[in-house]
Amino acid sequence: MANRLRGLLASDVYTEKGRLRSDDLLVRQRVCHGLSEASTRLKQLISDWRTDRVPPSTREQPFPPAEVMEPIRRAERLLRSITDVSTLVNGLPMVNQDRVWDRVRRVGLAELLQFDWTLVGEADAVAAAAGDWGVLDEVDLAGAEARLKRIREVAGERRRYLEIQA
């Protein structure tokens, strides 16, 4: 039974190595969940903005004024950044080779934990900030971008760290 489950999951969840890989997947899921919450909130604010502030098209003015559309454009750029970061985190390499696992277990588990802690913390901070966003033109785009930049940097450092261990 355990062998069938291991085969279905493509991981040995009943060993130390399997638990590390499982934890790695949980970290990715947690980071992406935080980013997804921010994305959902931002999409809701865009929708509310369009409903409340974007006037319907008329013959005299077929396109909305640029100043009304600018917050939407900035928010859509932020949405693309969130999606890119989420994809980056999901694409991080996993600890899957025995020799890499042995090295990480012996020396680098604390460093790997620090990378993951930072990724989760930054994603949670983005989600918490998104919960405080009230109106689209008051969204702290610079703060959100700074946190996304930090996630990108830590993901890159984590990737390099695992490559060095290999």
Protein backbone atom coordinates (compact mmCIF):
# COMPACT_ATOMS: atom_id res chain seq x y z
CA MET A 1 0.00 0.00 0.00
CA ALA A 2 2.75 2.48 0.95
CA ASN A 3 4.63 1.70 -2.28
CA ARG A 4 1.52 2.45 -4.35
CA LEU A 5 1.03 5.75 -2.52
CA ARG A 6 4.68 6.65 -3.06
CA GLY A 7 4.26 5.93 -6.75
CA LEU A 8 1.13 8.05 -7.04
CA LEU A 9 2.69 10.99 -5.22
CA ALA A 10 6.06 10.65 -6.97
CA SER A 11 7.67 11.16 -3.58
CA ASP A 12 8.53 9.09 -0.56
CA VAL A 13 6.51 10.98 2.04
CA TYR A 14 7.31 8.47 4.75
CA THR A 15 11.01 9.28 4.89
CA GLU A 16 12.94 12.35 5.98
CA LYS A 17 13.75 13.17 2.35
CA GLY A 18 10.12 12.79 1.37
CA ARG A 19 9.00 15.10 4.16
CA LEU A 20 11.47 17.75 3.02
CA ARG A 21 10.09 17.57 -0.52
CA SER A 22 6.55 17.67 0.84
CA ASP A 23 7.41 20.70 2.97
CA ASP A 24 8.96 22.32 -0.09
CA LEU A 25 5.67 21.91 -1.95
CA LEU A 26 3.75 23.30 1.02
CA VAL A 27 5.98 26.38 1.07
CA ARG A 28 5.35 26.96 -2.63
CA GLN A 29 1.63 26.52 -2.10
CA ARG A 30 1.63 28.96 0.81
CA VAL A 31 3.56 31.60 -1.15
CA CYS A 32 1.28 31.26 -4.15
CA HIS A 33 -1.79 31.40 -1.91
CA GLY A 34 -0.68 34.75 -0.46
CA LEU A 35 0.01 36.11 -3.91
CA SER A 36 -3.34 34.81 -5.13
CA GLU A 37 -5.14 36.65 -2.32
CA ALA A 38 -3.46 39.90 -3.36
CA SER A 39 -4.29 39.25 -6.99
CA THR A 40 -7.94 38.56 -6.20
CA ARG A 41 -8.21 41.75 -4.14
CA LEU A 42 -6.59 43.80 -6.89
CA LYS A 43 -8.94 42.37 -9.51
CA GLN A 44 -11.90 43.28 -7.31
CA LEU A 45 -10.63 46.84 -6.93
CA ILE A 46 -10.18 47.12 -10.72
CA SER A 47 -13.73 45.90 -11.24
CA ASP A 48 -15.10 48.35 -8.67
CA TRP A 49 -13.12 51.18 -10.25
CA ARG A 50 -14.48 50.40 -13.71
CA THR A 51 -18.02 50.29 -12.35
CA ASP A 52 -17.75 53.49 -10.34
CA ARG A 53 -15.36 55.70 -12.27
CA VAL A 54 -15.13 54.72 -15.93
CA PRO A 55 -17.84 56.51 -17.88
CA PRO A 56 -19.69 54.69 -20.64
CA SER A 57 -18.51 55.30 -24.19
CA THR A 58 -20.29 58.00 -26.15
CA ARG A 59 -19.97 59.22 -29.69
CA GLU A 60 -18.21 62.36 -28.44
CA GLN A 61 -15.89 60.41 -26.11
CA PRO A 62 -15.48 56.80 -27.28
CA PHE A 63 -12.55 56.17 -24.93
CA PRO A 64 -12.40 56.88 -21.19
CA PRO A 65 -10.14 59.71 -20.03
CA ALA A 66 -6.51 58.72 -19.51
CA GLU A 67 -6.48 59.91 -15.88
CA VAL A 68 -9.37 57.54 -15.10
CA MET A 69 -7.65 54.61 -16.77
CA GLU A 70 -4.16 55.16 -15.32
CA PRO A 71 -4.85 53.44 -11.96
CA ILE A 72 -6.20 50.44 -13.88
CA ARG A 73 -3.07 50.27 -16.05
CA ARG A 74 -0.80 50.43 -13.00
CA ALA A 75 -2.84 47.75 -11.23
CA GLU A 76 -2.73 45.50 -14.30
CA ARG A 77 1.07 45.83 -14.38
CA LEU A 78 1.13 44.80 -10.73
CA LEU A 79 -1.12 41.84 -11.52
CA ARG A 80 1.34 40.70 -14.21
CA SER A 81 4.19 41.00 -11.70
CA ILE A 82 2.27 38.93 -9.16
CA THR A 83 1.62 36.25 -11.77
CA ASP A 84 5.27 36.23 -12.84
CA VAL A 85 6.48 35.87 -9.25
CA SER A 86 4.00 33.08 -8.58
CA THR A 87 5.23 31.24 -11.67
CA LEU A 88 8.84 31.77 -10.58
CA VAL A 89 8.18 30.29 -7.14
CA ASN A 90 6.34 27.30 -8.59
CA GLY A 91 9.25 26.67 -10.94
CA LEU A 92 11.96 26.59 -8.27
CA PRO A 93 14.05 23.41 -8.33
CA MET A 94 13.22 20.76 -5.80
CA VAL A 95 15.62 18.80 -3.65
CA ASN A 96 15.37 15.48 -5.43
CA GLN A 97 18.77 13.87 -5.83
CA ASP A 98 20.16 11.73 -3.04
CA ARG A 99 23.55 13.41 -2.97
CA VAL A 100 21.96 16.88 -2.90
CA TRP A 101 19.61 15.76 -0.15
CA ASP A 102 22.52 14.42 1.91
CA ARG A 103 24.42 17.71 1.61
CA VAL A 104 21.38 19.84 2.41
CA ARG A 105 20.53 17.64 5.39
CA ARG A 106 24.05 17.81 6.75
CA VAL A 107 24.86 21.48 6.23
CA GLY A 108 22.23 23.51 4.55
CA LEU A 109 18.84 22.79 6.03
CA ALA A 110 18.95 25.98 8.13
CA GLU A 111 19.78 28.08 5.06
CA LEU A 112 17.02 26.45 3.04
CA LEU A 113 14.59 27.08 5.89
CA GLN A 114 15.60 30.76 5.97
CA PHE A 115 14.96 31.14 2.23
CA ASP A 116 11.54 29.53 2.58
CA TRP A 117 10.68 31.57 5.69
CA THR A 118 11.46 34.78 3.82
CA LEU A 119 9.42 33.72 0.78
CA VAL A 120 6.38 32.92 2.92
CA GLY A 121 6.78 36.07 5.01
CA GLU A 122 6.96 38.37 2.00
CA ALA A 123 3.99 36.71 0.29
CA ASP A 124 1.95 36.96 3.50
CA ALA A 125 2.90 40.64 3.77
CA VAL A 126 1.66 41.26 0.22
CA ALA A 127 -1.62 39.51 1.07
CA ALA A 128 -2.01 41.48 4.32
CA ALA A 129 -1.35 44.76 2.53
CA ALA A 130 -3.89 43.81 -0.13
CA GLY A 131 -6.49 43.32 2.59
CA ASP A 132 -5.97 46.95 3.58
CA TRP A 133 -6.36 48.31 0.05
CA GLY A 134 -9.58 50.33 -0.04
CA VAL A 135 -9.68 52.05 -3.40
CA LEU A 136 -7.64 51.36 -6.52
CA ASP A 137 -5.88 54.72 -6.65
CA GLU A 138 -4.75 54.30 -3.03
CA VAL A 139 -3.02 50.95 -3.57
CA ASP A 140 0.61 51.06 -2.44
CA LEU A 141 2.06 49.86 -5.72
CA ALA A 142 5.62 50.70 -4.73
CA GLY A 143 5.36 48.69 -1.51
CA ALA A 144 3.84 45.70 -3.28
CA GLU A 145 6.48 45.84 -6.03
CA ALA A 146 9.24 46.04 -3.41
CA ARG A 147 7.94 42.89 -1.72
CA LEU A 148 7.62 41.11 -5.08
CA LYS A 149 11.17 42.14 -5.90
CA ARG A 150 12.33 40.68 -2.59
CA ILE A 151 10.55 37.39 -3.39
CA ARG A 152 12.28 37.31 -6.79
CA GLU A 153 15.67 37.93 -5.16
CA VAL A 154 15.22 35.27 -2.50
CA ALA A 155 13.95 32.76 -5.06
CA GLY A 156 17.06 33.42 -7.14
CA GLU A 157 19.31 33.02 -4.10
CA ARG A 158 17.52 29.79 -3.19
CA ARG A 159 17.95 28.47 -6.73
CA ARG A 160 21.68 29.28 -6.69
CA TYR A 161 22.07 27.74 -3.27
CA LEU A 162 20.59 24.42 -4.41
CA GLU A 163 22.76 24.51 -7.56
CA ILE A 164 25.87 24.97 -5.41
CA GLN A 165 24.82 22.05 -3.22
CA ALA A 166 24.43 19.84 -6.29
